[in-house]
Amino acid sequence: MTDILVLILFVLSGAASGWLGVDLLPVDILKQVSNVEGFRIVLAIIGFL
C-alpha cells in the first residue's frame, strides 16, 4: 500500500513541477508560444510521465 502511495505522490509532484515550470521559463521562450495555457498542460503531461 505504501509503495502505491509513494508512486502516486511521485507522479503528482512531476505533474505539478511541469505545471508550475512555465513560470520559470524565460520571457523570450514564452513569446514564441502562441498558447501558453496549452504549453503549460503539455509540460504537466511530460512531468506526469
C-alpha atoms as a PDB file:
ATOM      1  CA  MET A   1       0.000   0.000   0.000  1.00  0.00           C
ATOM      2  CA  THR A   2       2.824   2.385   0.840  1.00  0.00           C
ATOM      3  CA  ASP A   3       4.526   1.722  -2.497  1.00  0.00           C
ATOM      4  CA  ILE A   4       1.425   2.749  -4.401  1.00  0.00           C
ATOM      5  CA  LEU A   5       1.100   5.925  -2.345  1.00  0.00           C
ATOM      6  CA  VAL A   6       4.743   6.864  -2.951  1.00  0.00           C
ATOM      7  CA  LEU A   7       4.335   6.217  -6.672  1.00  0.00           C
ATOM      8  CA  ILE A   8       1.197   8.358  -6.884  1.00  0.00           C
ATOM      9  CA  LEU A   9       2.853  11.200  -4.964  1.00  0.00           C
ATOM     10  CA  PHE A  10       5.904  10.989  -7.215  1.00  0.00           C
ATOM     11  CA  VAL A  11       3.774  11.219 -10.359  1.00  0.00           C
ATOM     12  CA  LEU A  12       1.732  14.102  -8.965  1.00  0.00           C
ATOM     13  CA  SER A  13       4.843  16.025  -7.986  1.00  0.00           C
ATOM     14  CA  GLY A  14       6.213  15.603 -11.504  1.00  0.00           C
ATOM     15  CA  ALA A  15       2.992  16.935 -12.978  1.00  0.00           C
ATOM     16  CA  ALA A  16       2.989  19.859 -10.542  1.00  0.00           C
ATOM     17  CA  SER A  17       6.558  20.776 -11.428  1.00  0.00           C
ATOM     18  CA  GLY A  18       5.657  20.736 -15.111  1.00  0.00           C
ATOM     19  CA  TRP A  19       2.572  22.871 -14.461  1.00  0.00           C
ATOM     20  CA  LEU A  20       4.481  25.443 -12.403  1.00  0.00           C
ATOM     21  CA  GLY A  21       7.625  25.250 -14.543  1.00  0.00           C
ATOM     22  CA  VAL A  22       6.141  27.620 -17.119  1.00  0.00           C
ATOM     23  CA  ASP A  23       6.617  30.479 -14.664  1.00  0.00           C
ATOM     24  CA  LEU A  24      10.354  29.747 -14.563  1.00  0.00           C
ATOM     25  CA  LEU A  25      10.883  29.921 -18.324  1.00  0.00           C
ATOM     26  CA  PRO A  26      12.492  32.997 -19.878  1.00  0.00           C
ATOM     27  CA  VAL A  27      10.160  35.557 -21.456  1.00  0.00           C
ATOM     28  CA  ASP A  28      11.752  35.020 -24.885  1.00  0.00           C
ATOM     29  CA  ILE A  29      10.613  31.392 -24.939  1.00  0.00           C
ATOM     30  CA  LEU A  30       7.111  32.305 -23.825  1.00  0.00           C
ATOM     31  CA  LYS A  31       6.862  34.864 -26.638  1.00  0.00           C
ATOM     32  CA  GLN A  32       7.443  32.063 -29.164  1.00  0.00           C
ATOM     33  CA  VAL A  33       4.484  30.074 -27.800  1.00  0.00           C
ATOM     34  CA  SER A  34       1.083  31.126 -29.114  1.00  0.00           C
ATOM     35  CA  ASN A  35      -0.955  29.309 -26.432  1.00  0.00           C
ATOM     36  CA  VAL A  36       0.745  29.499 -23.042  1.00  0.00           C
ATOM     37  CA  GLU A  37      -2.005  27.587 -21.213  1.00  0.00           C
ATOM     38  CA  GLY A  38      -1.756  24.739 -23.719  1.00  0.00           C
ATOM     39  CA  PHE A  39       2.011  24.762 -23.293  1.00  0.00           C
ATOM     40  CA  ARG A  40       1.505  24.558 -19.533  1.00  0.00           C
ATOM     41  CA  ILE A  41      -0.690  21.479 -19.968  1.00  0.00           C
ATOM     42  CA  VAL A  42       1.846  19.831 -22.264  1.00  0.00           C
ATOM     43  CA  LEU A  43       4.627  20.415 -19.724  1.00  0.00           C
ATOM     44  CA  ALA A  44       2.435  18.993 -16.964  1.00  0.00           C
ATOM     45  CA  ILE A  45       1.807  15.856 -19.022  1.00  0.00           C
ATOM     46  CA  ILE A  46       5.511  15.462 -19.701  1.00  0.00           C
ATOM     47  CA  GLY A  47       6.195  15.862 -15.993  1.00  0.00           C
ATOM     48  CA  PHE A  48       3.475  13.309 -15.275  1.00  0.00           C
ATOM     49  CA  LEU A  49       5.208  10.745 -17.466  1.00  0.00           C
END
